[in-house]
Amino acid sequence: MNFGARPLRRLLTYTVETELSKKIISGAVKDGDTVEINFDGKQFTFDATTPVKLDK
């Protein structure tokens, strides 16, 4: 698959931003979380982690 810059941007907007928005709305991703986005060759995967707060 070959993409130019604009088609690649549209693909990322549709796939990544849409899926990430759904996860935020559903509560799977919360404010302050870190989201790792990977591509396994067929689809994007999203792994959200909440930072650990250390007491001083």
N, C-alpha and C. Protein backbone atom coordinates (compact mmCIF):
# COMPACT_ATOMS: atom_id res chain seq x y z
N MET A 1 0.83 -1.17 0.00
CA MET A 1 0.00 0.00 0.00
C MET A 1 0.88 1.24 0.00
N ASN A 2 0.67 2.13 -0.93
CA ASN A 2 1.40 3.40 -0.96
C ASN A 2 0.44 4.54 -0.71
N PHE A 3 0.82 5.43 0.15
CA PHE A 3 -0.01 6.59 0.46
C PHE A 3 0.81 7.85 0.30
N GLY A 4 0.18 8.89 -0.22
CA GLY A 4 0.77 10.21 -0.19
C GLY A 4 0.46 10.81 1.17
N ALA A 5 0.92 12.02 1.40
CA ALA A 5 0.73 12.67 2.70
C ALA A 5 -0.74 12.91 3.02
N ARG A 6 -1.50 13.41 2.06
CA ARG A 6 -2.91 13.71 2.34
C ARG A 6 -3.75 12.46 2.56
N PRO A 7 -3.64 11.43 1.71
CA PRO A 7 -4.41 10.22 1.98
C PRO A 7 -4.02 9.56 3.32
N LEU A 8 -2.73 9.62 3.67
CA LEU A 8 -2.29 9.06 4.93
C LEU A 8 -2.89 9.83 6.09
N ARG A 9 -2.92 11.15 5.99
CA ARG A 9 -3.53 11.97 7.04
C ARG A 9 -5.01 11.64 7.19
N ARG A 10 -5.72 11.48 6.08
CA ARG A 10 -7.14 11.14 6.15
C ARG A 10 -7.34 9.77 6.81
N LEU A 11 -6.49 8.82 6.46
CA LEU A 11 -6.57 7.49 7.07
C LEU A 11 -6.35 7.56 8.57
N LEU A 12 -5.32 8.29 8.99
CA LEU A 12 -5.04 8.41 10.41
C LEU A 12 -6.16 9.15 11.14
N THR A 13 -6.68 10.20 10.52
CA THR A 13 -7.78 10.93 11.14
C THR A 13 -8.96 10.01 11.34
N TYR A 14 -9.30 9.26 10.32
CA TYR A 14 -10.46 8.39 10.42
C TYR A 14 -10.24 7.27 11.43
N THR A 15 -9.13 6.58 11.34
CA THR A 15 -8.93 5.40 12.18
C THR A 15 -8.49 5.75 13.60
N VAL A 16 -7.45 6.53 13.74
CA VAL A 16 -6.90 6.80 15.07
C VAL A 16 -7.78 7.78 15.84
N GLU A 17 -8.06 8.93 15.27
CA GLU A 17 -8.84 9.93 16.00
C GLU A 17 -10.24 9.44 16.33
N THR A 18 -10.87 8.74 15.40
CA THR A 18 -12.22 8.25 15.65
C THR A 18 -12.23 7.22 16.77
N GLU A 19 -11.33 6.25 16.71
CA GLU A 19 -11.28 5.21 17.74
C GLU A 19 -10.89 5.78 19.09
N LEU A 20 -9.92 6.69 19.10
CA LEU A 20 -9.51 7.31 20.35
C LEU A 20 -10.65 8.14 20.95
N SER A 21 -11.40 8.84 20.13
CA SER A 21 -12.55 9.61 20.60
C SER A 21 -13.59 8.70 21.24
N LYS A 22 -13.84 7.56 20.62
CA LYS A 22 -14.80 6.59 21.17
C LYS A 22 -14.34 6.10 22.54
N LYS A 23 -13.05 5.86 22.68
CA LYS A 23 -12.52 5.38 23.96
C LYS A 23 -12.61 6.46 25.05
N ILE A 24 -12.40 7.70 24.67
CA ILE A 24 -12.53 8.81 25.63
C ILE A 24 -13.98 8.95 26.06
N ILE A 25 -14.90 8.92 25.13
CA ILE A 25 -16.32 9.06 25.43
C ILE A 25 -16.82 7.91 26.31
N SER A 26 -16.33 6.70 26.04
CA SER A 26 -16.78 5.54 26.82
C SER A 26 -16.15 5.48 28.21
N GLY A 27 -15.11 6.29 28.45
CA GLY A 27 -14.45 6.29 29.74
C GLY A 27 -13.27 5.36 29.82
N ALA A 28 -12.94 4.67 28.73
CA ALA A 28 -11.79 3.77 28.71
C ALA A 28 -10.48 4.54 28.80
N VAL A 29 -10.49 5.79 28.35
CA VAL A 29 -9.33 6.68 28.44
C VAL A 29 -9.78 7.91 29.22
N LYS A 30 -9.01 8.22 30.27
CA LYS A 30 -9.36 9.34 31.13
C LYS A 30 -8.31 10.44 31.04
N ASP A 31 -8.67 11.61 31.53
CA ASP A 31 -7.75 12.74 31.54
C ASP A 31 -6.48 12.36 32.29
N GLY A 32 -5.34 12.60 31.68
CA GLY A 32 -4.06 12.28 32.29
C GLY A 32 -3.50 10.93 31.88
N ASP A 33 -4.32 10.07 31.27
CA ASP A 33 -3.84 8.77 30.81
C ASP A 33 -2.84 8.93 29.67
N THR A 34 -1.99 7.96 29.53
CA THR A 34 -1.08 7.86 28.40
C THR A 34 -1.60 6.75 27.51
N VAL A 35 -1.73 7.03 26.22
CA VAL A 35 -2.23 6.03 25.28
C VAL A 35 -1.12 5.64 24.32
N GLU A 36 -0.85 4.35 24.27
CA GLU A 36 0.12 3.81 23.32
C GLU A 36 -0.66 3.24 22.14
N ILE A 37 -0.35 3.72 20.96
CA ILE A 37 -1.04 3.28 19.74
C ILE A 37 -0.06 2.47 18.90
N ASN A 38 -0.47 1.26 18.56
CA ASN A 38 0.35 0.38 17.73
C ASN A 38 -0.45 -0.07 16.52
N PHE A 39 0.26 -0.57 15.54
CA PHE A 39 -0.38 -1.13 14.35
C PHE A 39 0.18 -2.52 14.15
N ASP A 40 -0.70 -3.52 14.12
CA ASP A 40 -0.25 -4.91 14.03
C ASP A 40 -0.22 -5.45 12.60
N GLY A 41 -0.35 -4.56 11.62
CA GLY A 41 -0.36 -4.97 10.23
C GLY A 41 -1.75 -5.01 9.64
N LYS A 42 -2.76 -5.09 10.52
CA LYS A 42 -4.15 -5.12 10.07
C LYS A 42 -4.98 -4.03 10.72
N GLN A 43 -4.70 -3.75 11.98
CA GLN A 43 -5.49 -2.75 12.69
C GLN A 43 -4.66 -2.05 13.75
N PHE A 44 -5.17 -0.91 14.20
CA PHE A 44 -4.52 -0.17 15.27
C PHE A 44 -4.99 -0.74 16.61
N THR A 45 -4.08 -0.77 17.58
CA THR A 45 -4.44 -1.16 18.93
C THR A 45 -4.14 0.01 19.86
N PHE A 46 -4.94 0.14 20.90
CA PHE A 46 -4.83 1.25 21.83
C PHE A 46 -4.70 0.70 23.24
N ASP A 47 -3.64 1.08 23.95
CA ASP A 47 -3.43 0.66 25.32
C ASP A 47 -3.29 1.91 26.18
N ALA A 48 -4.25 2.12 27.07
CA ALA A 48 -4.24 3.28 27.95
C ALA A 48 -3.69 2.89 29.31
N THR A 49 -2.82 3.72 29.85
CA THR A 49 -2.30 3.51 31.20
C THR A 49 -2.43 4.80 31.98
N THR A 50 -2.74 4.65 33.25
CA THR A 50 -2.82 5.81 34.14
C THR A 50 -1.49 5.92 34.88
N PRO A 51 -0.89 7.10 34.87
CA PRO A 51 0.39 7.27 35.56
C PRO A 51 0.24 7.00 37.06
N VAL A 52 1.25 6.41 37.64
CA VAL A 52 1.26 6.15 39.06
C VAL A 52 1.73 7.40 39.77
N LYS A 53 0.95 7.83 40.76
CA LYS A 53 1.31 9.02 41.52
C LYS A 53 2.11 8.58 42.75
N LEU A 54 3.29 9.13 42.87
CA LEU A 54 4.15 8.80 44.00
C LEU A 54 3.95 9.82 45.12
N ASP A 55 3.79 9.30 46.33
CA ASP A 55 3.67 10.19 47.49
C ASP A 55 5.06 10.60 47.93
N LYS A 56 5.21 11.87 48.26
CA LYS A 56 6.52 12.37 48.71
C LYS A 56 6.57 12.46 50.19
